[in-house]
Amino acid sequence: MKTISKSAKRQKAVANVLASLRIEQLTPSPSVVSGLRTCIAGNVTTDKLLADVMSRHVALRRV
């Protein structure tokens, strides 16, 4: 059985994110692209990247 490296897993996760954006006809911001590159390099986890993106792009709603 072939094992998949951590780097390959990160690259696949980033490819899936970009594919989802293309399906929705969206373009990632420069900060998101930079974050995806650091994620591929292994400097940031996908959870941390998601939290950063949401803090920048999702408005906080107070009820």
N, C-alpha and C. Protein backbone atom coordinates (compact mmCIF):
# COMPACT_ATOMS: atom_id res chain seq x y z
N MET A 1 0.84 -1.17 0.00
CA MET A 1 0.00 0.00 0.00
C MET A 1 0.89 1.24 0.00
N LYS A 2 0.54 2.21 -0.82
CA LYS A 2 1.31 3.44 -0.95
C LYS A 2 0.93 4.42 0.15
N THR A 3 1.94 5.01 0.80
CA THR A 3 1.65 6.01 1.83
C THR A 3 1.70 7.40 1.21
N ILE A 4 0.89 8.28 1.74
CA ILE A 4 0.81 9.65 1.24
C ILE A 4 1.54 10.55 2.23
N SER A 5 2.43 11.39 1.71
CA SER A 5 3.20 12.27 2.58
C SER A 5 2.31 13.40 3.12
N LYS A 6 2.77 14.02 4.20
CA LYS A 6 2.02 15.14 4.78
C LYS A 6 1.96 16.29 3.79
N SER A 7 3.04 16.50 3.06
CA SER A 7 3.07 17.56 2.06
C SER A 7 2.02 17.32 0.98
N ALA A 8 1.90 16.09 0.53
CA ALA A 8 0.91 15.75 -0.49
C ALA A 8 -0.51 15.97 0.04
N LYS A 9 -0.73 15.66 1.31
CA LYS A 9 -2.05 15.88 1.92
C LYS A 9 -2.38 17.37 1.94
N ARG A 10 -1.38 18.19 2.32
CA ARG A 10 -1.60 19.64 2.36
C ARG A 10 -1.87 20.18 0.96
N GLN A 11 -1.11 19.70 -0.03
CA GLN A 11 -1.32 20.16 -1.40
C GLN A 11 -2.71 19.80 -1.90
N LYS A 12 -3.17 18.61 -1.55
CA LYS A 12 -4.51 18.18 -1.96
C LYS A 12 -5.58 19.04 -1.28
N ALA A 13 -5.39 19.35 -0.01
CA ALA A 13 -6.35 20.19 0.71
C ALA A 13 -6.44 21.57 0.07
N VAL A 14 -5.29 22.14 -0.28
CA VAL A 14 -5.27 23.45 -0.92
C VAL A 14 -5.92 23.38 -2.31
N ALA A 15 -5.64 22.34 -3.05
CA ALA A 15 -6.25 22.17 -4.37
C ALA A 15 -7.77 22.08 -4.25
N ASN A 16 -8.26 21.41 -3.22
CA ASN A 16 -9.71 21.31 -3.00
C ASN A 16 -10.32 22.67 -2.67
N VAL A 17 -9.61 23.46 -1.88
CA VAL A 17 -10.10 24.81 -1.56
C VAL A 17 -10.21 25.64 -2.82
N LEU A 18 -9.16 25.62 -3.64
CA LEU A 18 -9.17 26.41 -4.87
C LEU A 18 -10.24 25.92 -5.84
N ALA A 19 -10.45 24.62 -5.90
CA ALA A 19 -11.50 24.06 -6.77
C ALA A 19 -12.88 24.51 -6.30
N SER A 20 -13.09 24.51 -5.00
CA SER A 20 -14.38 24.96 -4.46
C SER A 20 -14.63 26.42 -4.81
N LEU A 21 -13.59 27.23 -4.71
CA LEU A 21 -13.73 28.65 -5.06
C LEU A 21 -14.06 28.81 -6.54
N ARG A 22 -13.40 28.03 -7.39
CA ARG A 22 -13.68 28.11 -8.84
C ARG A 22 -15.11 27.69 -9.15
N ILE A 23 -15.59 26.66 -8.48
CA ILE A 23 -16.97 26.20 -8.70
C ILE A 23 -17.96 27.31 -8.35
N GLU A 24 -17.67 28.04 -7.28
CA GLU A 24 -18.54 29.13 -6.85
C GLU A 24 -18.25 30.43 -7.59
N GLN A 25 -17.35 30.38 -8.57
CA GLN A 25 -16.93 31.54 -9.36
C GLN A 25 -16.40 32.66 -8.47
N LEU A 26 -15.58 32.29 -7.49
CA LEU A 26 -14.94 33.23 -6.58
C LEU A 26 -13.44 33.23 -6.81
N THR A 27 -12.81 34.34 -6.47
CA THR A 27 -11.37 34.46 -6.59
C THR A 27 -10.80 34.69 -5.19
N PRO A 28 -9.79 33.93 -4.79
CA PRO A 28 -9.22 34.14 -3.46
C PRO A 28 -8.47 35.47 -3.39
N SER A 29 -8.55 36.11 -2.23
CA SER A 29 -7.83 37.36 -2.03
C SER A 29 -6.33 37.07 -1.94
N PRO A 30 -5.49 38.08 -2.13
CA PRO A 30 -4.04 37.87 -2.00
C PRO A 30 -3.63 37.31 -0.64
N SER A 31 -4.33 37.72 0.42
CA SER A 31 -3.99 37.20 1.75
C SER A 31 -4.34 35.72 1.86
N VAL A 32 -5.41 35.30 1.20
CA VAL A 32 -5.78 33.88 1.21
C VAL A 32 -4.76 33.06 0.42
N VAL A 33 -4.36 33.58 -0.73
CA VAL A 33 -3.35 32.89 -1.55
C VAL A 33 -2.05 32.74 -0.76
N SER A 34 -1.65 33.80 -0.09
CA SER A 34 -0.44 33.75 0.74
C SER A 34 -0.59 32.71 1.85
N GLY A 35 -1.76 32.69 2.48
CA GLY A 35 -2.01 31.71 3.53
C GLY A 35 -1.98 30.28 3.01
N LEU A 36 -2.52 30.08 1.82
CA LEU A 36 -2.50 28.74 1.22
C LEU A 36 -1.06 28.29 0.94
N ARG A 37 -0.23 29.22 0.50
CA ARG A 37 1.17 28.88 0.25
C ARG A 37 1.89 28.50 1.54
N THR A 38 1.63 29.23 2.62
CA THR A 38 2.26 28.88 3.90
C THR A 38 1.72 27.55 4.42
N CYS A 39 0.47 27.26 4.10
CA CYS A 39 -0.11 25.97 4.50
C CYS A 39 0.59 24.83 3.77
N ILE A 40 0.81 24.99 2.47
CA ILE A 40 1.50 23.95 1.70
C ILE A 40 2.91 23.75 2.23
N ALA A 41 3.56 24.85 2.62
CA ALA A 41 4.93 24.76 3.14
C ALA A 41 4.97 24.11 4.52
N GLY A 42 3.83 24.00 5.17
CA GLY A 42 3.78 23.36 6.47
C GLY A 42 3.99 24.32 7.63
N ASN A 43 3.96 25.63 7.36
CA ASN A 43 4.18 26.62 8.41
C ASN A 43 2.91 26.95 9.18
N VAL A 44 1.75 26.65 8.59
CA VAL A 44 0.46 26.95 9.21
C VAL A 44 -0.45 25.74 9.01
N THR A 45 -1.26 25.43 10.01
CA THR A 45 -2.22 24.34 9.85
C THR A 45 -3.46 24.85 9.12
N THR A 46 -4.22 23.94 8.56
CA THR A 46 -5.44 24.33 7.85
C THR A 46 -6.45 24.94 8.82
N ASP A 47 -6.48 24.47 10.05
CA ASP A 47 -7.39 25.03 11.05
C ASP A 47 -7.04 26.49 11.35
N LYS A 48 -5.76 26.78 11.49
CA LYS A 48 -5.30 28.14 11.76
C LYS A 48 -5.60 29.04 10.56
N LEU A 49 -5.35 28.52 9.37
CA LEU A 49 -5.63 29.29 8.15
C LEU A 49 -7.11 29.61 8.05
N LEU A 50 -7.96 28.64 8.32
CA LEU A 50 -9.41 28.85 8.27
C LEU A 50 -9.83 29.92 9.28
N ALA A 51 -9.28 29.86 10.49
CA ALA A 51 -9.61 30.85 11.51
C ALA A 51 -9.18 32.25 11.07
N ASP A 52 -8.00 32.36 10.47
CA ASP A 52 -7.51 33.66 9.99
C ASP A 52 -8.41 34.21 8.88
N VAL A 53 -8.78 33.36 7.94
CA VAL A 53 -9.63 33.80 6.83
C VAL A 53 -10.99 34.24 7.35
N MET A 54 -11.56 33.47 8.24
CA MET A 54 -12.87 33.82 8.78
C MET A 54 -12.82 35.11 9.58
N SER A 55 -11.73 35.34 10.30
CA SER A 55 -11.64 36.58 11.08
C SER A 55 -11.56 37.80 10.17
N ARG A 56 -11.01 37.64 8.96
CA ARG A 56 -10.89 38.75 8.02
C ARG A 56 -12.13 38.94 7.16
N HIS A 57 -12.79 37.86 6.79
CA HIS A 57 -13.83 37.94 5.76
C HIS A 57 -15.25 37.67 6.24
N VAL A 58 -15.42 37.21 7.45
CA VAL A 58 -16.77 36.90 7.94
C VAL A 58 -17.15 37.94 8.98
N ALA A 59 -18.27 38.60 8.75
CA ALA A 59 -18.73 39.62 9.68
C ALA A 59 -19.30 38.96 10.93
N LEU A 60 -18.99 39.54 12.07
CA LEU A 60 -19.50 39.05 13.34
C LEU A 60 -20.91 39.58 13.53
N ARG A 61 -21.85 38.70 13.82
CA ARG A 61 -23.24 39.10 14.04
C ARG A 61 -23.56 38.99 15.52
N ARG A 62 -24.05 40.07 16.05
CA ARG A 62 -24.47 40.07 17.45
C ARG A 62 -25.99 40.06 17.50
N VAL A 63 -26.51 39.19 18.33
CA VAL A 63 -27.97 39.07 18.43
C VAL A 63 -28.43 39.64 19.74
